[in-house]
Amino acid sequence: MERGLTRELPPNMVHAGGCHIAGKRYRGVDRSEALRWLAEGIPACAHCRPDRELRYLEG
């Protein structure tokens, strides 16, 4: 998960582990937290596609 600029802001994007796009503001999260952020509308990285890896289906 890539954090926002401050702790008060929601994450910017959900990444799969080891994604080269993640940048410096990332932290590891477990499967349930990643699914929660995806369900709340935080976008999945278009490069590593954690939504596919987690088998997340929108809706």
PDB file of N, CA and C in Angstrom:
ATOM      1  N   MET A   1       0.839  -1.157   0.000  1.00  0.00           N
ATOM      2  CA  MET A   1       0.000   0.000   0.000  1.00  0.00           C
ATOM      3  C   MET A   1       0.897   1.236   0.000  1.00  0.00           C
ATOM      4  N   GLU A   2       0.595   2.163  -0.889  1.00  0.00           N
ATOM      5  CA  GLU A   2       1.345   3.417  -0.955  1.00  0.00           C
ATOM      6  C   GLU A   2       0.577   4.477  -0.188  1.00  0.00           C
ATOM      7  N   ARG A   3       1.204   5.000   0.849  1.00  0.00           N
ATOM      8  CA  ARG A   3       0.557   5.987   1.714  1.00  0.00           C
ATOM      9  C   ARG A   3       0.414   7.330   1.028  1.00  0.00           C
ATOM     10  N   GLY A   4      -0.539   8.136   1.537  1.00  0.00           N
ATOM     11  CA  GLY A   4      -0.696   9.510   1.074  1.00  0.00           C
ATOM     12  C   GLY A   4       0.447  10.356   1.614  1.00  0.00           C
ATOM     13  N   LEU A   5       0.460  11.632   1.278  1.00  0.00           N
ATOM     14  CA  LEU A   5       1.541  12.514   1.717  1.00  0.00           C
ATOM     15  C   LEU A   5       1.568  12.700   3.229  1.00  0.00           C
ATOM     16  N   THR A   6       0.413  12.625   3.881  1.00  0.00           N
ATOM     17  CA  THR A   6       0.360  12.729   5.339  1.00  0.00           C
ATOM     18  C   THR A   6      -0.402  11.528   5.894  1.00  0.00           C
ATOM     19  N   ARG A   7      -0.276  11.313   7.172  1.00  0.00           N
ATOM     20  CA  ARG A   7      -0.975  10.195   7.799  1.00  0.00           C
ATOM     21  C   ARG A   7      -2.489  10.356   7.782  1.00  0.00           C
ATOM     22  N   GLU A   8      -2.957  11.606   7.684  1.00  0.00           N
ATOM     23  CA  GLU A   8      -4.388  11.870   7.682  1.00  0.00           C
ATOM     24  C   GLU A   8      -5.045  11.505   6.346  1.00  0.00           C
ATOM     25  N   LEU A   9      -4.272  11.498   5.275  1.00  0.00           N
ATOM     26  CA  LEU A   9      -4.813  11.188   3.952  1.00  0.00           C
ATOM     27  C   LEU A   9      -4.882   9.676   3.736  1.00  0.00           C
ATOM     28  N   PRO A  10      -5.869   9.217   2.978  1.00  0.00           N
ATOM     29  CA  PRO A  10      -5.940   7.790   2.680  1.00  0.00           C
ATOM     30  C   PRO A  10      -4.792   7.384   1.749  1.00  0.00           C
ATOM     31  N   PRO A  11      -4.573   6.095   1.598  1.00  0.00           N
ATOM     32  CA  PRO A  11      -3.510   5.637   0.688  1.00  0.00           C
ATOM     33  C   PRO A  11      -3.752   6.118  -0.742  1.00  0.00           C
ATOM     34  N   ASN A  12      -2.676   6.200  -1.513  1.00  0.00           N
ATOM     35  CA  ASN A  12      -2.775   6.612  -2.917  1.00  0.00           C
ATOM     36  C   ASN A  12      -3.094   5.440  -3.825  1.00  0.00           C
ATOM     37  N   MET A  13      -2.519   4.261  -3.500  1.00  0.00           N
ATOM     38  CA  MET A  13      -2.632   3.138  -4.407  1.00  0.00           C
ATOM     39  C   MET A  13      -2.289   1.846  -3.669  1.00  0.00           C
ATOM     40  N   VAL A  14      -2.872   0.755  -4.134  1.00  0.00           N
ATOM     41  CA  VAL A  14      -2.557  -0.566  -3.592  1.00  0.00           C
ATOM     42  C   VAL A  14      -1.615  -1.251  -4.571  1.00  0.00           C
ATOM     43  N   HIS A  15      -0.510  -1.804  -4.059  1.00  0.00           N
ATOM     44  CA  HIS A  15       0.483  -2.500  -4.875  1.00  0.00           C
ATOM     45  C   HIS A  15       0.633  -3.938  -4.394  1.00  0.00           C
ATOM     46  N   ALA A  16       1.108  -4.798  -5.275  1.00  0.00           N
ATOM     47  CA  ALA A  16       1.516  -6.142  -4.878  1.00  0.00           C
ATOM     48  C   ALA A  16       2.930  -6.054  -4.329  1.00  0.00           C
ATOM     49  N   GLY A  17       3.318  -6.979  -3.477  1.00  0.00           N
ATOM     50  CA  GLY A  17       4.664  -6.971  -2.902  1.00  0.00           C
ATOM     51  C   GLY A  17       5.737  -6.978  -3.972  1.00  0.00           C
ATOM     52  N   GLY A  18       6.745  -6.134  -3.780  1.00  0.00           N
ATOM     53  CA  GLY A  18       7.867  -6.076  -4.710  1.00  0.00           C
ATOM     54  C   GLY A  18       7.636  -5.224  -5.944  1.00  0.00           C
ATOM     55  N   CYS A  19       6.562  -4.481  -6.004  1.00  0.00           N
ATOM     56  CA  CYS A  19       6.283  -3.638  -7.171  1.00  0.00           C
ATOM     57  C   CYS A  19       7.336  -2.538  -7.277  1.00  0.00           C
ATOM     58  N   HIS A  20       7.899  -2.376  -8.469  1.00  0.00           N
ATOM     59  CA  HIS A  20       8.942  -1.367  -8.678  1.00  0.00           C
ATOM     60  C   HIS A  20       8.369   0.048  -8.771  1.00  0.00           C
ATOM     61  N   ILE A  21       7.068   0.200  -8.873  1.00  0.00           N
ATOM     62  CA  ILE A  21       6.428   1.501  -8.985  1.00  0.00           C
ATOM     63  C   ILE A  21       6.081   2.083  -7.605  1.00  0.00           C
ATOM     64  N   ALA A  22       6.125   1.278  -6.555  1.00  0.00           N
ATOM     65  CA  ALA A  22       5.593   1.653  -5.242  1.00  0.00           C
ATOM     66  C   ALA A  22       6.195   2.925  -4.647  1.00  0.00           C
ATOM     67  N   GLY A  23       7.407   3.261  -4.912  1.00  0.00           N
ATOM     68  CA  GLY A  23       7.992   4.481  -4.363  1.00  0.00           C
ATOM     69  C   GLY A  23       8.441   4.313  -2.914  1.00  0.00           C
ATOM     70  N   LYS A  24       8.695   5.434  -2.251  1.00  0.00           N
ATOM     71  CA  LYS A  24       9.260   5.413  -0.897  1.00  0.00           C
ATOM     72  C   LYS A  24       8.205   5.386   0.200  1.00  0.00           C
ATOM     73  N   ARG A  25       6.975   5.790  -0.094  1.00  0.00           N
ATOM     74  CA  ARG A  25       5.934   5.883   0.942  1.00  0.00           C
ATOM     75  C   ARG A  25       5.047   4.642   0.950  1.00  0.00           C
ATOM     76  N   TYR A  26       5.632   3.478   1.036  1.00  0.00           N
ATOM     77  CA  TYR A  26       4.825   2.267   1.039  1.00  0.00           C
ATOM     78  C   TYR A  26       5.016   1.516   2.345  1.00  0.00           C
ATOM     79  N   ARG A  27       4.042   0.681   2.643  1.00  0.00           N
ATOM     80  CA  ARG A  27       4.163  -0.237   3.774  1.00  0.00           C
ATOM     81  C   ARG A  27       3.401  -1.497   3.429  1.00  0.00           C
ATOM     82  N   GLY A  28       3.874  -2.604   3.948  1.00  0.00           N
ATOM     83  CA  GLY A  28       3.209  -3.868   3.709  1.00  0.00           C
ATOM     84  C   GLY A  28       1.924  -3.973   4.519  1.00  0.00           C
ATOM     85  N   VAL A  29       0.918  -4.567   3.932  1.00  0.00           N
ATOM     86  CA  VAL A  29      -0.350  -4.807   4.617  1.00  0.00           C
ATOM     87  C   VAL A  29      -0.773  -6.246   4.334  1.00  0.00           C
ATOM     88  N   ASP A  30      -1.644  -6.769   5.181  1.00  0.00           N
ATOM     89  CA  ASP A  30      -2.109  -8.130   4.931  1.00  0.00           C
ATOM     90  C   ASP A  30      -3.231  -8.119   3.889  1.00  0.00           C
ATOM     91  N   ARG A  31      -3.607  -9.307   3.483  1.00  0.00           N
ATOM     92  CA  ARG A  31      -4.601  -9.479   2.427  1.00  0.00           C
ATOM     93  C   ARG A  31      -5.916  -8.765   2.741  1.00  0.00           C
ATOM     94  N   SER A  32      -6.404  -8.911   3.969  1.00  0.00           N
ATOM     95  CA  SER A  32      -7.700  -8.315   4.312  1.00  0.00           C
ATOM     96  C   SER A  32      -7.658  -6.787   4.251  1.00  0.00           C
ATOM     97  N   GLU A  33      -6.558  -6.191   4.670  1.00  0.00           N
ATOM     98  CA  GLU A  33      -6.448  -4.735   4.607  1.00  0.00           C
ATOM     99  C   GLU A  33      -6.359  -4.261   3.158  1.00  0.00           C
ATOM    100  N   ALA A  34      -5.608  -4.974   2.325  1.00  0.00           N
ATOM    101  CA  ALA A  34      -5.514  -4.609   0.906  1.00  0.00           C
ATOM    102  C   ALA A  34      -6.883  -4.701   0.241  1.00  0.00           C
ATOM    103  N   LEU A  35      -7.634  -5.743   0.543  1.00  0.00           N
ATOM    104  CA  LEU A  35      -8.979  -5.886  -0.021  1.00  0.00           C
ATOM    105  C   LEU A  35      -9.905  -4.777   0.458  1.00  0.00           C
ATOM    106  N   ARG A  36      -9.764  -4.390   1.716  1.00  0.00           N
ATOM    107  CA  ARG A  36     -10.586  -3.303   2.260  1.00  0.00           C
ATOM    108  C   ARG A  36     -10.315  -2.000   1.521  1.00  0.00           C
ATOM    109  N   TRP A  37      -9.026  -1.678   1.301  1.00  0.00           N
ATOM    110  CA  TRP A  37      -8.690  -0.437   0.596  1.00  0.00           C
ATOM    111  C   TRP A  37      -9.209  -0.475  -0.835  1.00  0.00           C
ATOM    112  N   LEU A  38      -9.099  -1.607  -1.497  1.00  0.00           N
ATOM    113  CA  LEU A  38      -9.634  -1.721  -2.858  1.00  0.00           C
ATOM    114  C   LEU A  38     -11.151  -1.511  -2.853  1.00  0.00           C
ATOM    115  N   ALA A  39     -11.836  -2.099  -1.882  1.00  0.00           N
ATOM    116  CA  ALA A  39     -13.295  -1.960  -1.776  1.00  0.00           C
ATOM    117  C   ALA A  39     -13.705  -0.515  -1.489  1.00  0.00           C
ATOM    118  N   GLU A  40     -12.839   0.226  -0.804  1.00  0.00           N
ATOM    119  CA  GLU A  40     -13.133   1.629  -0.490  1.00  0.00           C
ATOM    120  C   GLU A  40     -12.765   2.578  -1.626  1.00  0.00           C
ATOM    121  N   GLY A  41     -12.308   2.022  -2.745  1.00  0.00           N
ATOM    122  CA  GLY A  41     -12.060   2.843  -3.925  1.00  0.00           C
ATOM    123  C   GLY A  41     -10.629   3.267  -4.159  1.00  0.00           C
ATOM    124  N   ILE A  42      -9.687   2.803  -3.330  1.00  0.00           N
ATOM    125  CA  ILE A  42      -8.275   3.107  -3.580  1.00  0.00           C
ATOM    126  C   ILE A  42      -7.851   2.293  -4.803  1.00  0.00           C
ATOM    127  N   PRO A  43      -7.270   2.925  -5.805  1.00  0.00           N
ATOM    128  CA  PRO A  43      -6.965   2.202  -7.041  1.00  0.00           C
ATOM    129  C   PRO A  43      -5.848   1.181  -6.886  1.00  0.00           C
ATOM    130  N   ALA A  44      -5.935   0.143  -7.704  1.00  0.00           N
ATOM    131  CA  ALA A  44      -4.878  -0.865  -7.788  1.00  0.00           C
ATOM    132  C   ALA A  44      -3.842  -0.393  -8.802  1.00  0.00           C
ATOM    133  N   CYS A  45      -2.592  -0.668  -8.536  1.00  0.00           N
ATOM    134  CA  CYS A  45      -1.508  -0.305  -9.453  1.00  0.00           C
ATOM    135  C   CYS A  45      -1.726  -1.021 -10.794  1.00  0.00           C
ATOM    136  N   ALA A  46      -1.619  -0.272 -11.879  1.00  0.00           N
ATOM    137  CA  ALA A  46      -1.818  -0.837 -13.210  1.00  0.00           C
ATOM    138  C   ALA A  46      -0.637  -1.693 -13.665  1.00  0.00           C
ATOM    139  N   HIS A  47       0.494  -1.595 -12.965  1.00  0.00           N
ATOM    140  CA  HIS A  47       1.669  -2.372 -13.348  1.00  0.00           C
ATOM    141  C   HIS A  47       1.703  -3.737 -12.672  1.00  0.00           C
ATOM    142  N   CYS A  48       1.492  -3.773 -11.359  1.00  0.00           N
ATOM    143  CA  CYS A  48       1.602  -5.041 -10.626  1.00  0.00           C
ATOM    144  C   CYS A  48       0.260  -5.738 -10.415  1.00  0.00           C
ATOM    145  N   ARG A  49      -0.852  -5.025 -10.616  1.00  0.00           N
ATOM    146  CA  ARG A  49      -2.211  -5.551 -10.561  1.00  0.00           C
ATOM    147  C   ARG A  49      -2.508  -6.401  -9.317  1.00  0.00           C
ATOM    148  N   PRO A  50      -2.439  -5.799  -8.128  1.00  0.00           N
ATOM    149  CA  PRO A  50      -2.736  -6.555  -6.913  1.00  0.00           C
ATOM    150  C   PRO A  50      -4.180  -7.038  -6.866  1.00  0.00           C
ATOM    151  N   ASP A  51      -5.079  -6.346  -7.562  1.00  0.00           N
ATOM    152  CA  ASP A  51      -6.472  -6.791  -7.598  1.00  0.00           C
ATOM    153  C   ASP A  51      -6.586  -8.172  -8.247  1.00  0.00           C
ATOM    154  N   ARG A  52      -5.820  -8.422  -9.285  1.00  0.00           N
ATOM    155  CA  ARG A  52      -5.809  -9.751  -9.916  1.00  0.00           C
ATOM    156  C   ARG A  52      -5.170 -10.786  -9.000  1.00  0.00           C
ATOM    157  N   GLU A  53      -4.049 -10.404  -8.396  1.00  0.00           N
ATOM    158  CA  GLU A  53      -3.340 -11.324  -7.509  1.00  0.00           C
ATOM    159  C   GLU A  53      -4.214 -11.718  -6.311  1.00  0.00           C
ATOM    160  N   LEU A  54      -4.991 -10.763  -5.804  1.00  0.00           N
ATOM    161  CA  LEU A  54      -5.873 -11.021  -4.663  1.00  0.00           C
ATOM    162  C   LEU A  54      -7.236 -11.566  -5.093  1.00  0.00           C
ATOM    163  N   ARG A  55      -7.437 -11.672  -6.401  1.00  0.00           N
ATOM    164  CA  ARG A  55      -8.715 -12.125  -6.964  1.00  0.00           C
ATOM    165  C   ARG A  55      -9.874 -11.243  -6.500  1.00  0.00           C
ATOM    166  N   TYR A  56      -9.608  -9.950  -6.495  1.00  0.00           N
ATOM    167  CA  TYR A  56     -10.627  -8.964  -6.117  1.00  0.00           C
ATOM    168  C   TYR A  56     -11.503  -8.663  -7.310  1.00  0.00           C
ATOM    169  N   LEU A  57     -12.785  -8.844  -7.142  1.00  0.00           N
ATOM    170  CA  LEU A  57     -13.744  -8.517  -8.194  1.00  0.00           C
ATOM    171  C   LEU A  57     -14.586  -7.351  -7.693  1.00  0.00           C
ATOM    172  N   GLU A  58     -14.578  -6.266  -8.438  1.00  0.00           N
ATOM    173  CA  GLU A  58     -15.332  -5.083  -8.018  1.00  0.00           C
ATOM    174  C   GLU A  58     -16.827  -5.395  -7.948  1.00  0.00           C
ATOM    175  N   GLY A  59     -17.467  -4.736  -6.978  1.00  0.00           N
ATOM    176  CA  GLY A  59     -18.906  -4.869  -6.873  1.00  0.00           C
ATOM    177  C   GLY A  59     -19.253  -5.996  -6.005  1.00  0.00           C
TER     178      GLY A  59
END
